[in-house]
Protein backbone atom coordinates (compact mmCIF):
# COMPACT_ATOMS: atom_id res chain seq x y z
CA MET A 1 130.96 102.22 106.87
CA SER A 2 134.42 100.97 106.10
CA ILE A 3 137.03 100.61 108.81
CA PRO A 4 139.40 103.23 107.29
CA ASN A 5 136.70 105.91 107.86
CA LYS A 6 136.46 105.24 111.60
CA PRO A 7 139.51 107.34 112.56
CA PHE A 8 138.20 110.19 110.40
CA TYR A 9 134.79 110.12 112.11
CA ALA A 10 136.43 109.89 115.54
CA LEU A 11 138.40 113.02 114.65
CA VAL A 12 135.18 114.76 113.59
CA TRP A 13 133.62 113.91 116.95
CA ILE A 14 136.68 115.29 118.75
CA LEU A 15 136.65 118.51 116.70
CA VAL A 16 132.93 119.06 117.31
CA PHE A 17 133.34 118.53 121.05
CA GLN A 18 136.34 120.87 121.15
CA PHE A 19 134.40 123.50 119.19
CA ILE A 20 131.52 123.26 121.67
CA GLY A 21 134.01 123.44 124.53
CA PHE A 22 135.54 126.56 123.00
CA GLY A 23 132.09 128.15 122.78
CA LEU A 24 131.38 127.30 126.39
CA GLY A 25 134.78 128.70 127.31
CA SER A 26 133.73 131.98 125.71
CA ILE A 27 130.74 132.14 128.06
CA THR A 28 133.07 131.44 130.97
CA SER A 29 135.67 134.02 129.99
CA SER A 30 133.05 136.72 129.52
CA ASN A 31 131.93 136.21 133.13
CA MET A 32 135.29 136.10 134.87
CA ASP A 33 134.68 139.47 136.55
CA TRP A 34 131.76 137.89 138.41
CA TYR A 35 133.70 134.69 139.11
CA HIS A 36 136.59 136.63 140.69
CA THR A 37 134.19 138.28 143.17
CA ILE A 38 132.59 135.11 144.57
CA ILE A 39 133.82 133.04 147.51
CA LYS A 40 135.49 129.83 146.33
CA SER A 41 136.97 126.77 148.00
CA SER A 42 140.62 126.91 148.98
CA LEU A 43 140.95 123.78 146.80
CA THR A 44 139.93 125.66 143.67
CA PRO A 45 142.69 125.11 141.11
CA PRO A 46 144.20 128.02 139.16
CA ASN A 47 142.00 129.16 136.27
CA VAL A 48 144.43 127.75 133.71
CA VAL A 49 143.66 124.18 134.89
CA PHE A 50 140.01 124.21 133.81
CA PRO A 51 140.43 124.56 130.02
CA ILE A 52 143.19 121.95 130.04
CA VAL A 53 141.11 119.43 131.99
CA TRP A 54 137.98 120.07 129.92
CA SER A 55 139.90 119.77 126.65
CA ILE A 56 141.13 116.36 127.74
CA LEU A 57 137.72 115.30 129.05
CA TYR A 58 135.92 116.48 125.90
CA THR A 59 138.37 114.49 123.79
CA LEU A 60 137.71 111.38 125.85
CA LEU A 61 133.94 111.99 125.85
CA ALA A 62 134.01 112.47 122.08
CA LEU A 63 135.70 109.10 121.69
CA VAL A 64 133.10 107.48 123.94
CA GLY A 65 130.33 109.17 121.95
CA HIS A 66 131.89 108.01 118.70
CA PHE A 67 132.13 104.43 119.94
CA LEU A 68 128.54 104.43 121.20
CA TRP A 69 127.26 105.93 117.95
CA GLN A 70 129.17 103.41 115.84
CA ASN A 71 127.69 100.54 117.86
CA ARG A 72 124.19 101.95 118.47
CA GLU A 73 122.51 98.98 116.71
CA GLU A 74 123.38 96.88 119.75
CA GLN A 75 120.45 97.36 122.16
CA LYS A 76 122.57 97.74 125.31
CA VAL A 77 124.89 100.23 123.61
CA ASN A 78 121.92 102.21 122.29
CA HIS A 79 120.54 102.38 125.84
CA ILE A 80 123.86 103.71 127.13
CA LEU A 81 124.00 106.17 124.21
CA VAL A 82 120.66 107.70 125.23
CA PHE A 83 121.93 108.35 128.75
CA PHE A 84 125.27 109.57 127.40
CA ILE A 85 123.47 112.16 125.28
CA ILE A 86 121.31 113.26 128.22
CA GLN A 87 124.33 113.80 130.47
CA LEU A 88 126.12 115.56 127.63
CA VAL A 89 123.28 118.05 127.15
CA LEU A 90 123.22 118.65 130.91
CA ASN A 91 127.00 119.11 130.82
CA TRP A 92 126.75 121.70 128.08
CA LEU A 93 123.94 123.49 129.94
CA TRP A 94 125.97 123.81 133.14
CA THR A 95 128.20 126.61 131.82
CA PRO A 96 125.41 129.01 130.83
CA ILE A 97 123.52 128.19 134.04
CA PHE A 98 126.56 128.82 136.26
CA PHE A 99 128.59 131.42 134.39
CA GLY A 100 125.94 133.02 132.19
CA TRP A 101 123.03 133.32 134.62
CA HIS A 102 124.96 132.88 137.92
CA LEU A 103 122.39 130.33 139.13
CA THR A 104 124.82 128.39 141.30
CA GLY A 105 122.14 126.28 143.04
CA ILE A 106 120.56 125.16 139.77
CA ALA A 107 124.05 124.52 138.40
CA LEU A 108 124.74 122.31 141.41
CA VAL A 109 121.58 120.28 140.77
CA ASP A 110 122.61 120.03 137.10
CA ILE A 111 126.10 118.74 137.85
CA LEU A 112 124.79 116.26 140.41
CA MET A 113 122.38 114.92 137.78
CA ILE A 114 125.32 114.59 135.37
CA ALA A 115 127.24 112.66 138.02
CA ALA A 116 124.28 110.37 138.75
CA ILE A 117 123.79 109.60 135.05
CA THR A 118 127.52 109.00 134.71
CA VAL A 119 127.38 106.45 137.55
CA TYR A 120 124.51 104.75 135.71
CA ILE A 121 126.57 104.66 132.49
CA ILE A 122 129.52 103.19 134.42
CA ILE A 123 127.30 100.46 135.87
CA LYS A 124 125.70 99.65 132.50
CA SER A 125 129.02 99.55 130.63
CA TRP A 126 131.02 97.73 133.32
CA ALA A 127 130.72 94.15 132.11
CA LYS A 128 131.05 94.53 128.35
CA HIS A 129 132.65 97.89 127.55
CA SER A 130 135.42 98.42 130.08
CA ILE A 131 137.07 101.27 128.15
CA ILE A 132 133.86 103.28 128.44
CA THR A 133 133.77 102.45 132.14
CA TYR A 134 137.32 103.68 132.73
CA VAL A 135 136.84 106.90 130.78
CA MET A 136 133.59 107.60 132.59
CA ILE A 137 135.22 106.94 135.98
CA VAL A 138 137.84 109.60 135.19
CA TYR A 139 135.04 111.94 134.12
CA LEU A 140 133.05 111.13 137.28
CA LEU A 141 136.02 111.95 139.51
CA TRP A 142 136.28 115.39 137.90
CA LEU A 143 132.49 115.86 138.14
CA LEU A 144 132.57 115.08 141.86
CA PHE A 145 135.38 117.56 142.42
CA ALA A 146 133.57 120.17 140.32
CA SER A 147 130.39 119.46 142.29
CA TYR A 148 132.26 120.17 145.49
CA LEU A 149 133.60 123.45 144.06
CA ASN A 150 130.09 124.40 142.87
CA PHE A 151 128.65 123.50 146.30
CA VAL A 152 131.12 125.75 148.13
CA ILE A 153 130.24 128.64 145.83
CA TRP A 154 126.50 128.02 146.20
CA ILE A 155 126.62 127.72 150.01
CA SER A 156 128.79 130.86 150.26
CA SER A 157 126.50 133.05 148.19
């Protein structure tokens, strides 16, 4: 692949992630009646914050995914890519589990698994791929906050 194509493919990754995020947002928005009836943490941000944060995070995750995919021939990067994909699938499953099926306990287990895998990715990328590390730390901070919010909902139900 030639270098001029890399920005194009990065854009494709971003658009695919945003499209998936939009689809997941549709699941969320169709279940807001339920969400408004459950007990939430007093730290729960206004609803408008979530799509903004996830749009930013999905853009950053798409760029990480693009980088990992482009460098997958390197054994260590390929290893990280496998775990990145696993956490991504778990991430995309969280919305239907939580909002679609209202399984808040299973959603909590799911998000904690995402966080654990993210910590592993941070550790594995720390020495050689610091940009991945920094992006994943930002993602992890949001995951930990979201885990707390999920925990409060689960424990209150």
